[in-house]
N, C-alpha and C. Protein backbone atom coordinates (compact mmCIF):
# COMPACT_ATOMS: atom_id res chain seq x y z
N MET A 1 -61.13 49.83 -33.37
CA MET A 1 -61.87 49.12 -32.45
C MET A 1 -61.35 47.68 -32.10
N LYS A 2 -61.27 47.07 -33.23
CA LYS A 2 -60.53 45.60 -33.23
C LYS A 2 -59.25 45.54 -32.22
N LYS A 3 -58.44 46.58 -32.65
CA LYS A 3 -56.98 46.68 -31.77
C LYS A 3 -57.41 46.93 -30.30
N LEU A 4 -58.27 47.87 -30.09
CA LEU A 4 -58.67 47.94 -28.53
C LEU A 4 -59.13 46.88 -27.78
N VAL A 5 -60.13 46.04 -28.50
CA VAL A 5 -60.42 44.73 -28.05
C VAL A 5 -59.34 43.76 -27.76
N LEU A 6 -58.52 43.87 -28.74
CA LEU A 6 -57.37 42.75 -28.61
C LEU A 6 -56.44 43.28 -27.60
N VAL A 7 -56.14 44.45 -27.39
CA VAL A 7 -55.29 44.96 -26.27
C VAL A 7 -56.04 44.69 -24.99
N LEU A 8 -57.12 45.08 -25.02
CA LEU A 8 -57.81 44.67 -23.58
C LEU A 8 -57.94 43.39 -23.31
N GLY A 9 -58.18 42.64 -24.21
CA GLY A 9 -58.30 41.24 -24.11
C GLY A 9 -56.85 40.47 -23.71
N LEU A 10 -55.74 41.03 -24.37
CA LEU A 10 -54.61 40.90 -23.91
C LEU A 10 -54.04 41.15 -22.53
N LEU A 11 -54.56 42.38 -22.21
CA LEU A 11 -54.25 42.79 -20.84
C LEU A 11 -54.96 41.97 -19.75
N VAL A 12 -56.27 41.73 -19.90
CA VAL A 12 -56.99 40.83 -18.98
C VAL A 12 -56.37 39.39 -18.95
N ALA A 13 -55.97 38.71 -20.01
CA ALA A 13 -55.29 37.38 -20.17
C ALA A 13 -54.14 37.50 -19.43
N VAL A 14 -53.25 38.60 -19.52
CA VAL A 14 -51.98 38.50 -18.74
C VAL A 14 -52.07 39.08 -17.38
N GLY A 15 -53.11 39.73 -17.22
CA GLY A 15 -53.29 39.99 -15.60
C GLY A 15 -53.74 38.78 -14.94
N ALA A 16 -54.79 38.07 -15.56
CA ALA A 16 -55.10 36.83 -15.00
C ALA A 16 -53.98 35.88 -14.77
N GLY A 17 -53.12 35.65 -15.82
CA GLY A 17 -52.06 34.90 -15.91
C GLY A 17 -50.84 35.21 -14.78
N CYS A 18 -50.79 36.49 -14.46
CA CYS A 18 -50.00 37.15 -13.52
C CYS A 18 -50.48 36.64 -12.15
N VAL A 19 -51.61 36.63 -11.83
CA VAL A 19 -52.16 36.48 -10.52
C VAL A 19 -51.95 34.93 -10.46
N SER A 20 -52.45 34.06 -11.31
CA SER A 20 -52.13 32.55 -11.08
C SER A 20 -50.74 32.33 -11.29
N LEU A 21 -49.80 32.78 -11.95
CA LEU A 21 -48.58 32.61 -12.07
C LEU A 21 -47.87 33.02 -10.57
N GLY A 22 -48.29 34.03 -10.25
CA GLY A 22 -47.79 34.66 -8.99
C GLY A 22 -48.12 33.65 -7.72
N LYS A 23 -49.09 33.09 -7.76
CA LYS A 23 -49.69 32.09 -6.58
C LYS A 23 -48.78 30.59 -6.94
N LEU A 24 -48.89 30.15 -8.11
CA LEU A 24 -48.52 29.00 -8.52
C LEU A 24 -47.02 28.83 -8.77
N GLY A 25 -46.41 30.06 -9.21
CA GLY A 25 -45.07 30.09 -9.63
C GLY A 25 -44.08 30.43 -8.41
N GLU A 26 -44.79 31.03 -7.39
CA GLU A 26 -43.75 31.18 -6.14
C GLU A 26 -43.46 29.82 -5.50
N GLN A 27 -42.08 30.04 -5.39
CA GLN A 27 -41.47 28.66 -4.86
C GLN A 27 -41.16 29.13 -3.29
N LYS A 28 -41.85 28.48 -2.46
CA LYS A 28 -41.61 28.58 -1.04
C LYS A 28 -40.26 28.28 -0.60
N VAL A 29 -39.45 29.30 0.03
CA VAL A 29 -38.16 29.00 0.45
C VAL A 29 -38.09 28.33 1.76
N VAL A 30 -37.53 27.02 1.77
CA VAL A 30 -37.51 26.17 3.16
C VAL A 30 -35.98 25.93 3.11
N GLU A 31 -35.46 26.49 4.45
CA GLU A 31 -34.24 26.21 4.80
C GLU A 31 -33.91 25.09 5.58
N GLY A 32 -32.80 24.38 5.34
CA GLY A 32 -32.40 23.32 6.19
C GLY A 32 -31.08 22.55 5.77
N LYS A 33 -30.74 21.92 6.73
CA LYS A 33 -29.48 21.25 6.56
C LYS A 33 -29.52 19.83 5.84
N TRP A 34 -30.74 19.34 5.73
CA TRP A 34 -30.74 17.99 5.22
C TRP A 34 -31.76 18.25 3.98
N LEU A 35 -32.34 16.99 3.36
CA LEU A 35 -33.16 17.19 2.33
C LEU A 35 -34.46 17.64 2.56
N LEU A 36 -35.00 17.27 3.82
CA LEU A 36 -36.13 17.77 4.52
C LEU A 36 -35.94 18.55 5.66
N ALA A 37 -36.95 19.45 5.78
CA ALA A 37 -36.84 20.24 6.99
C ALA A 37 -38.17 19.94 7.94
N PHE A 38 -38.05 20.10 9.15
CA PHE A 38 -39.19 19.55 10.09
C PHE A 38 -39.50 20.83 11.07
N ASP A 39 -40.69 20.85 11.45
CA ASP A 39 -41.12 21.83 12.51
C ASP A 39 -40.97 20.91 14.02
N LEU A 40 -39.84 20.95 14.44
CA LEU A 40 -39.61 20.25 15.75
C LEU A 40 -39.52 21.13 16.94
N PRO A 41 -40.24 20.53 17.83
CA PRO A 41 -40.26 21.14 19.23
C PRO A 41 -38.81 21.31 19.70
N SER A 42 -38.81 22.61 20.53
CA SER A 42 -37.50 23.01 20.96
C SER A 42 -36.59 22.21 21.66
N SER A 43 -37.06 21.06 22.30
CA SER A 43 -36.14 20.06 22.97
C SER A 43 -35.74 19.14 21.94
N TRP A 44 -36.29 19.03 20.70
CA TRP A 44 -35.94 17.83 19.90
C TRP A 44 -34.50 18.08 19.04
N MET A 45 -33.97 17.22 18.51
CA MET A 45 -32.89 17.40 17.64
C MET A 45 -32.73 16.42 16.26
N MET A 46 -32.24 17.03 15.33
CA MET A 46 -32.16 16.22 14.04
C MET A 46 -30.66 15.70 14.17
N THR A 47 -30.34 14.45 14.02
CA THR A 47 -28.85 13.93 14.39
C THR A 47 -28.67 12.77 13.31
N VAL A 48 -27.31 12.62 13.15
CA VAL A 48 -26.75 11.66 12.32
C VAL A 48 -27.13 10.19 13.12
N PRO A 49 -27.43 9.09 12.14
CA PRO A 49 -27.48 7.87 12.96
C PRO A 49 -26.31 7.39 13.71
N TYR A 50 -26.79 6.88 14.96
CA TYR A 50 -25.82 6.31 15.67
C TYR A 50 -25.94 4.88 16.29
N GLN A 51 -24.97 4.22 16.68
CA GLN A 51 -25.28 2.89 17.34
C GLN A 51 -25.52 3.03 18.85
N SER A 52 -26.28 2.22 19.35
CA SER A 52 -26.78 2.24 20.74
C SER A 52 -25.65 2.08 21.55
N PRO A 53 -25.28 2.86 22.65
CA PRO A 53 -24.28 2.68 23.38
C PRO A 53 -24.13 1.13 24.13
N SER A 54 -23.00 0.71 24.08
CA SER A 54 -22.89 -0.52 24.55
C SER A 54 -21.61 -0.79 25.61
N THR A 55 -20.39 -0.24 25.22
CA THR A 55 -19.35 -0.29 26.09
C THR A 55 -18.67 1.05 26.18
N LYS A 56 -19.34 2.11 25.60
CA LYS A 56 -18.78 3.55 25.81
C LYS A 56 -19.82 4.43 25.37
N ALA A 57 -19.84 5.71 25.94
CA ALA A 57 -21.10 6.63 25.83
C ALA A 57 -20.86 6.95 24.39
N VAL A 58 -22.31 7.17 23.81
CA VAL A 58 -22.45 7.77 22.48
C VAL A 58 -23.16 9.02 22.67
N VAL A 59 -22.63 10.17 21.89
CA VAL A 59 -23.21 11.40 21.68
C VAL A 59 -23.83 11.67 20.56
N PRO A 60 -25.11 11.81 20.29
CA PRO A 60 -25.53 12.09 19.06
C PRO A 60 -25.31 13.39 18.57
N SER A 61 -24.79 13.38 17.16
CA SER A 61 -24.06 14.54 16.50
C SER A 61 -25.07 15.28 15.66
N ASP A 62 -25.26 16.34 15.80
CA ASP A 62 -26.30 17.07 14.86
C ASP A 62 -25.42 17.66 13.61
N GLU A 63 -24.27 17.06 13.28
CA GLU A 63 -23.64 17.27 11.94
C GLU A 63 -24.30 16.65 10.86
N VAL A 64 -25.60 16.85 10.75
CA VAL A 64 -26.10 16.20 9.55
C VAL A 64 -25.82 17.06 8.26
N GLU A 65 -25.58 16.31 7.14
CA GLU A 65 -25.36 16.85 5.87
C GLU A 65 -26.15 16.55 4.74
N ARG A 66 -26.36 17.03 3.79
CA ARG A 66 -27.46 17.03 2.55
C ARG A 66 -27.16 15.68 2.03
N ASN A 67 -26.00 15.15 1.90
CA ASN A 67 -25.84 13.83 1.21
C ASN A 67 -26.06 12.56 2.17
N ASP A 68 -26.44 13.03 3.42
CA ASP A 68 -26.71 11.76 4.38
C ASP A 68 -27.90 11.05 3.84
N ASN A 69 -27.92 9.89 3.69
CA ASN A 69 -29.22 9.02 3.24
C ASN A 69 -30.41 8.78 4.39
N GLU A 70 -29.86 9.06 5.59
CA GLU A 70 -30.71 8.48 6.69
C GLU A 70 -30.38 9.58 7.97
N ILE A 71 -31.22 10.09 8.62
CA ILE A 71 -31.16 10.88 9.89
C ILE A 71 -32.13 10.36 10.77
N TYR A 72 -31.90 10.78 12.15
CA TYR A 72 -32.73 10.63 13.18
C TYR A 72 -33.32 11.89 13.67
N LEU A 73 -34.53 11.85 14.00
CA LEU A 73 -35.27 12.92 14.87
C LEU A 73 -35.57 12.36 16.12
N GLN A 74 -35.05 12.99 17.16
CA GLN A 74 -35.47 12.51 18.56
C GLN A 74 -35.72 13.60 19.66
N SER A 75 -36.53 13.22 20.62
CA SER A 75 -36.96 14.13 21.52
C SER A 75 -36.00 14.54 22.74
N THR A 76 -34.70 13.87 22.72
CA THR A 76 -33.74 14.12 23.49
C THR A 76 -32.28 14.27 22.77
N THR A 77 -31.39 14.89 23.68
CA THR A 77 -30.07 15.08 23.04
C THR A 77 -29.26 14.01 23.61
N LYS A 78 -29.75 13.06 24.28
CA LYS A 78 -28.97 11.80 24.49
C LYS A 78 -29.21 10.62 23.64
N ALA A 79 -28.32 9.85 23.72
CA ALA A 79 -28.53 8.49 22.78
C ALA A 79 -29.45 7.91 23.38
N ILE A 80 -30.42 7.32 22.64
CA ILE A 80 -31.50 6.40 22.98
C ILE A 80 -31.38 5.12 22.79
N VAL A 81 -31.37 4.39 23.86
CA VAL A 81 -31.20 2.78 23.79
C VAL A 81 -32.51 2.15 23.40
N LEU A 82 -32.40 1.42 22.13
CA LEU A 82 -33.51 0.66 21.76
C LEU A 82 -33.61 -0.64 22.02
N GLY A 83 -34.86 -1.36 22.35
CA GLY A 83 -34.88 -2.65 22.82
C GLY A 83 -34.74 -3.02 24.23
N GLY A 84 -34.38 -2.03 25.13
CA GLY A 84 -34.33 -2.18 26.59
C GLY A 84 -33.17 -2.82 27.15
N ILE A 85 -32.10 -2.91 26.15
CA ILE A 85 -30.87 -3.54 26.55
C ILE A 85 -29.79 -2.50 27.11
N ALA A 86 -29.55 -2.38 28.33
CA ALA A 86 -28.74 -1.38 28.95
C ALA A 86 -27.32 -1.58 28.65
N PRO A 87 -26.51 -0.47 28.38
CA PRO A 87 -24.97 -0.68 28.06
C PRO A 87 -24.22 -1.13 29.41
N ASP A 88 -22.97 -1.59 29.11
CA ASP A 88 -22.12 -2.06 30.28
C ASP A 88 -22.22 -1.00 31.52
N ALA A 89 -21.84 -1.62 32.46
CA ALA A 89 -21.97 -0.77 33.67
C ALA A 89 -20.68 0.38 33.52
N SER A 90 -19.76 0.04 32.70
CA SER A 90 -18.70 1.33 32.49
C SER A 90 -19.32 2.51 31.91
N VAL A 91 -20.49 2.47 31.30
CA VAL A 91 -21.10 3.37 30.56
C VAL A 91 -21.98 4.36 31.64
N SER A 92 -21.65 5.43 31.53
CA SER A 92 -22.44 6.44 32.71
C SER A 92 -24.00 6.36 32.23
N PRO A 93 -24.94 5.92 33.21
CA PRO A 93 -26.48 6.07 32.85
C PRO A 93 -26.81 7.62 32.46
N ASP A 94 -26.16 8.53 32.84
CA ASP A 94 -26.51 9.85 32.49
C ASP A 94 -26.30 10.09 31.14
N SER A 95 -25.45 9.31 30.28
CA SER A 95 -25.20 9.62 29.07
C SER A 95 -26.17 9.17 27.95
N TYR A 96 -27.15 8.35 28.55
CA TYR A 96 -28.06 7.85 27.43
C TYR A 96 -29.57 7.67 28.20
N THR A 97 -30.34 7.32 27.41
CA THR A 97 -31.77 7.24 27.89
C THR A 97 -32.56 6.10 27.18
N ASN A 98 -33.70 5.63 27.73
CA ASN A 98 -34.55 4.71 26.89
C ASN A 98 -35.65 5.38 26.29
N LEU A 99 -36.48 4.33 25.79
CA LEU A 99 -37.68 5.09 25.09
C LEU A 99 -38.77 5.58 26.11
N SER A 100 -38.79 5.24 27.36
CA SER A 100 -39.71 5.66 28.19
C SER A 100 -39.90 7.13 28.03
N GLY A 101 -41.13 7.82 27.54
CA GLY A 101 -41.23 9.25 27.64
C GLY A 101 -40.47 9.84 26.39
N ASN A 102 -39.80 9.02 25.45
CA ASN A 102 -39.06 9.54 24.22
C ASN A 102 -39.54 9.06 23.01
N LEU A 103 -39.29 9.65 22.00
CA LEU A 103 -39.52 9.38 20.69
C LEU A 103 -38.31 9.47 19.66
N LEU A 104 -38.14 8.52 18.83
CA LEU A 104 -37.10 8.52 18.01
C LEU A 104 -37.71 8.13 16.62
N ILE A 105 -37.54 9.00 15.58
CA ILE A 105 -38.23 8.80 14.13
C ILE A 105 -36.80 8.65 13.52
N LYS A 106 -36.70 7.50 12.68
CA LYS A 106 -35.71 7.30 11.66
C LYS A 106 -36.10 7.74 10.17
N VAL A 107 -35.50 8.56 9.73
CA VAL A 107 -35.92 9.09 8.42
C VAL A 107 -34.89 8.64 7.24
N SER A 108 -35.29 7.75 6.25
CA SER A 108 -34.52 7.48 5.15
C SER A 108 -34.94 7.89 3.76
N GLN A 109 -33.99 8.45 3.06
CA GLN A 109 -34.09 8.56 1.59
C GLN A 109 -34.30 7.18 0.95
N LEU A 110 -35.29 7.05 0.09
CA LEU A 110 -35.40 5.73 -0.66
C LEU A 110 -34.64 5.72 -1.85
N ASP A 111 -34.08 4.54 -2.05
CA ASP A 111 -33.41 4.22 -3.31
C ASP A 111 -34.50 4.68 -4.41
N PRO A 112 -34.39 5.37 -5.59
CA PRO A 112 -35.58 5.46 -6.49
C PRO A 112 -36.09 4.30 -7.08
N ARG A 113 -35.45 3.04 -6.80
CA ARG A 113 -36.20 1.85 -7.43
C ARG A 113 -37.30 1.37 -6.44
N ARG A 114 -37.15 1.79 -5.12
CA ARG A 114 -38.17 1.37 -4.18
C ARG A 114 -39.33 2.15 -4.28
N VAL A 115 -40.50 1.51 -4.30
CA VAL A 115 -41.76 2.23 -4.31
C VAL A 115 -42.49 1.93 -3.08
N ILE A 116 -43.45 3.01 -2.82
CA ILE A 116 -44.26 3.04 -1.50
C ILE A 116 -45.30 1.87 -1.75
N PRO A 117 -45.31 0.95 -0.86
CA PRO A 117 -46.23 -0.06 -0.92
C PRO A 117 -47.63 0.25 -1.34
N SER A 118 -48.24 -0.54 -2.28
CA SER A 118 -49.64 -0.37 -2.67
C SER A 118 -50.64 -0.19 -1.67
N GLU A 119 -50.58 -0.97 -0.82
CA GLU A 119 -51.50 -0.94 0.61
C GLU A 119 -51.43 0.19 1.25
N ALA A 120 -50.61 1.09 1.14
CA ALA A 120 -50.30 2.41 1.86
C ALA A 120 -51.67 3.31 2.04
N GLU A 121 -52.13 3.71 2.96
CA GLU A 121 -53.20 4.48 3.40
C GLU A 121 -52.79 6.13 3.10
N ASP A 122 -53.65 6.61 2.24
CA ASP A 122 -53.20 8.19 1.89
C ASP A 122 -53.57 9.12 3.04
N MET A 123 -52.67 9.63 3.57
CA MET A 123 -52.69 10.79 4.61
C MET A 123 -52.96 12.29 4.01
N GLY A 124 -52.72 12.38 2.65
CA GLY A 124 -52.81 13.64 2.02
C GLY A 124 -51.56 14.46 1.85
N ASP A 125 -51.26 15.23 1.10
CA ASP A 125 -50.14 15.91 0.99
C ASP A 125 -48.88 15.22 0.49
N GLY A 126 -49.10 13.92 -0.09
CA GLY A 126 -48.03 13.14 -0.35
C GLY A 126 -47.54 12.32 0.88
N PHE A 127 -48.16 12.22 1.95
CA PHE A 127 -47.84 11.45 3.05
C PHE A 127 -48.93 10.06 2.96
N SER A 128 -48.13 8.91 3.43
CA SER A 128 -49.04 7.75 3.68
C SER A 128 -48.48 7.00 4.69
N LYS A 129 -49.36 5.99 4.97
CA LYS A 129 -48.69 5.00 6.04
C LYS A 129 -49.29 3.55 5.68
N VAL A 130 -48.50 2.64 6.43
CA VAL A 130 -48.47 1.28 6.12
C VAL A 130 -48.52 0.75 7.27
N LYS A 131 -49.56 -0.34 7.70
CA LYS A 131 -49.64 -1.05 8.97
C LYS A 131 -48.81 -2.18 8.64
N LEU A 132 -47.97 -2.46 9.55
CA LEU A 132 -46.98 -3.72 9.48
C LEU A 132 -47.65 -4.71 10.06
N CYS A 133 -48.18 -4.76 11.46
CA CYS A 133 -48.67 -5.78 12.26
C CYS A 133 -49.77 -5.42 13.05
N GLU A 134 -50.44 -6.31 13.58
CA GLU A 134 -51.62 -5.70 14.61
C GLU A 134 -50.92 -5.27 15.84
N ASP A 135 -51.63 -4.56 16.60
CA ASP A 135 -51.17 -3.88 18.03
C ASP A 135 -50.57 -5.13 18.71
N GLY A 136 -49.39 -4.91 19.32
CA GLY A 136 -48.70 -5.99 20.11
C GLY A 136 -48.06 -6.96 19.30
N GLY A 137 -47.98 -7.03 17.97
CA GLY A 137 -47.47 -7.91 17.10
C GLY A 137 -45.99 -7.87 17.03
N ASP A 138 -45.40 -8.84 16.46
CA ASP A 138 -43.85 -8.82 16.48
C ASP A 138 -43.27 -7.73 15.95
N CYS A 139 -43.86 -7.08 15.08
CA CYS A 139 -43.14 -5.76 14.41
C CYS A 139 -42.94 -4.69 15.35
N GLU A 140 -43.42 -4.81 16.53
CA GLU A 140 -43.21 -3.66 17.53
C GLU A 140 -41.97 -3.86 18.44
N THR A 141 -41.12 -4.86 18.07
CA THR A 141 -39.94 -5.29 18.97
C THR A 141 -39.13 -4.00 19.02
N GLY A 142 -38.70 -3.81 20.08
CA GLY A 142 -37.85 -2.68 20.67
C GLY A 142 -38.27 -1.33 20.45
N GLY A 143 -39.74 -1.39 20.79
CA GLY A 143 -40.51 -0.06 20.93
C GLY A 143 -40.98 0.47 19.54
N ARG A 144 -40.63 -0.24 18.55
CA ARG A 144 -41.11 0.28 17.16
C ARG A 144 -42.66 0.31 17.09
N TYR A 145 -43.17 1.29 16.57
CA TYR A 145 -44.50 1.63 16.20
C TYR A 145 -45.05 0.64 15.05
N ASN A 146 -46.16 0.13 14.89
CA ASN A 146 -46.60 -1.06 13.94
C ASN A 146 -46.86 -0.12 12.59
N TYR A 147 -46.56 1.00 12.27
CA TYR A 147 -46.68 1.53 11.12
C TYR A 147 -45.58 2.12 10.58
N ASP A 148 -45.35 2.17 9.41
CA ASP A 148 -44.50 2.88 8.76
C ASP A 148 -45.07 3.99 7.88
N TYR A 149 -44.19 5.09 7.69
CA TYR A 149 -44.81 6.15 7.02
C TYR A 149 -43.84 6.51 5.85
N TYR A 150 -44.77 7.28 4.93
CA TYR A 150 -43.90 7.40 3.66
C TYR A 150 -44.24 9.04 3.29
N LEU A 151 -43.26 9.58 2.53
CA LEU A 151 -43.48 10.87 1.95
C LEU A 151 -43.23 10.82 0.32
N LYS A 152 -44.07 10.89 -0.44
CA LYS A 152 -43.49 10.93 -2.08
C LYS A 152 -43.47 12.49 -2.21
N THR A 153 -42.21 12.89 -2.87
CA THR A 153 -42.17 14.09 -3.47
C THR A 153 -41.87 14.08 -5.14
N ASP A 154 -41.92 14.96 -5.74
CA ASP A 154 -41.57 15.06 -7.16
C ASP A 154 -40.32 14.36 -7.36
N THR A 155 -39.31 14.24 -6.62
CA THR A 155 -38.04 13.76 -6.90
C THR A 155 -37.70 12.35 -6.06
N THR A 156 -38.16 12.40 -4.95
CA THR A 156 -37.44 11.22 -4.17
C THR A 156 -38.68 10.82 -3.10
N ASN A 157 -38.65 9.57 -2.59
CA ASN A 157 -39.57 9.07 -1.64
C ASN A 157 -38.81 8.93 -0.36
N TYR A 158 -39.53 9.17 0.82
CA TYR A 158 -38.92 9.02 2.04
C TYR A 158 -39.71 8.12 3.07
N LYS A 159 -38.91 7.30 3.84
CA LYS A 159 -39.56 6.30 4.89
C LYS A 159 -39.36 6.91 6.24
N PHE A 160 -40.39 6.89 7.01
CA PHE A 160 -40.22 7.11 8.54
C PHE A 160 -40.55 5.84 9.31
N VAL A 161 -39.80 5.65 10.14
CA VAL A 161 -39.82 4.44 11.28
C VAL A 161 -39.92 5.03 12.54
N VAL A 162 -40.99 4.90 13.43
CA VAL A 162 -41.13 5.56 14.75
C VAL A 162 -40.90 4.43 15.71
N TYR A 163 -40.25 4.88 16.73
CA TYR A 163 -39.90 4.36 18.09
C TYR A 163 -40.50 5.16 19.17
N GLY A 164 -41.36 4.55 19.99
CA GLY A 164 -41.83 5.35 21.11
C GLY A 164 -43.18 5.15 21.12
N ASP A 165 -43.93 5.95 22.11
CA ASP A 165 -45.35 5.67 22.30
C ASP A 165 -46.28 7.03 21.83
N ASP A 166 -45.91 8.07 21.62
CA ASP A 166 -46.67 9.34 21.37
C ASP A 166 -46.80 9.44 19.96
N ILE A 167 -47.61 8.63 19.32
CA ILE A 167 -47.70 8.66 18.02
C ILE A 167 -48.40 9.91 17.35
N ASN A 168 -49.08 10.42 18.10
CA ASN A 168 -49.88 11.80 17.69
C ASN A 168 -48.62 12.88 17.31
N GLN A 169 -47.70 12.90 18.34
CA GLN A 169 -46.75 13.62 18.13
C GLN A 169 -45.74 13.37 16.98
N ALA A 170 -45.46 12.19 16.81
CA ALA A 170 -44.62 11.67 15.68
C ALA A 170 -45.22 11.92 14.58
N GLU A 171 -46.64 11.67 14.34
CA GLU A 171 -47.39 12.01 13.09
C GLU A 171 -47.06 13.37 12.75
N GLN A 172 -47.46 14.25 13.80
CA GLN A 172 -47.37 15.75 13.67
C GLN A 172 -45.85 16.29 13.00
N ILE A 173 -45.03 15.69 13.51
CA ILE A 173 -43.64 15.85 13.22
C ILE A 173 -43.35 15.44 11.97
N ILE A 174 -43.78 14.32 11.61
CA ILE A 174 -43.47 13.55 10.22
C ILE A 174 -44.37 14.49 9.23
N THR A 175 -45.70 14.62 9.41
CA THR A 175 -46.16 15.44 8.43
C THR A 175 -45.87 16.94 8.39
N SER A 176 -45.00 17.47 9.05
CA SER A 176 -44.49 18.81 8.91
C SER A 176 -43.31 18.93 8.05
N ALA A 177 -42.92 17.74 7.68
CA ALA A 177 -41.72 17.64 6.55
C ALA A 177 -41.96 18.54 5.29
N GLU A 178 -40.94 19.31 4.98
CA GLU A 178 -41.02 20.02 3.66
C GLU A 178 -39.67 19.67 2.98
N VAL A 179 -39.79 19.69 1.71
CA VAL A 179 -38.46 19.66 0.87
C VAL A 179 -37.88 21.02 1.11
N VAL A 180 -36.59 20.85 1.26
CA VAL A 180 -35.58 21.97 1.53
C VAL A 180 -35.13 22.46 0.19
N THR A 181 -35.42 23.90 0.03
CA THR A 181 -35.01 24.52 -1.21
C THR A 181 -33.75 25.44 -1.05
N ALA A 182 -33.25 25.61 0.13
CA ALA A 182 -32.19 26.53 0.31
C ALA A 182 -31.44 25.79 1.54
N ALA A 183 -30.39 25.16 0.97
CA ALA A 183 -29.44 24.27 1.85
C ALA A 183 -28.65 25.42 2.97
N VAL A 184 -28.77 25.02 4.32
CA VAL A 184 -28.02 25.89 5.24
C VAL A 184 -26.94 24.96 5.79
N THR A 185 -25.68 25.58 6.16
CA THR A 185 -24.68 24.77 6.62
C THR A 185 -24.40 25.44 8.02
N ASP A 186 -23.45 24.73 8.94
CA ASP A 186 -23.20 25.09 10.09
C ASP A 186 -22.32 26.43 10.22
N THR A 187 -21.54 26.71 8.88
CA THR A 187 -20.57 27.75 8.74
C THR A 187 -21.32 29.15 8.42
N GLU A 188 -22.77 29.18 7.96
CA GLU A 188 -23.41 30.32 7.71
C GLU A 188 -23.90 30.98 8.94
């Protein structure tokens, strides 16, 4: 009888463990070219950082690699000119756009020694935000939003800097970030 109770107890314990291990132990597969993947609207692109066009056209490149420390998420395939300073007349106006009606999110992998500011407001799921200045303050130069966003993961912290007006869409994209578990390359 002792053996039967022991075996039944063991089966119940193993069965319960399997159920919880199945849910907790499953690792969701998240594919992406960079360290984080995002749920981007169809018109958006992930690009490597670029300089604003000044004397020649700049074409944003989607050749993002896992070892890049910074990427841009943007609502257009054209280079976005920040700060309202237009390039030289020799640069075709069709090759770039400004922030009007567009969003640009700079995403940086932080150095491990950099910590998320203690005054950060918790947004849940590892996300937080820090107010840099009051609305209309100096920190909003060049169309920058007056908050910085952060994501704390098990291995790395990330910072998000938003340029543009549609903060609701920006926050939706930022909080869609997931750590990539399966790297994808252009050759696949």
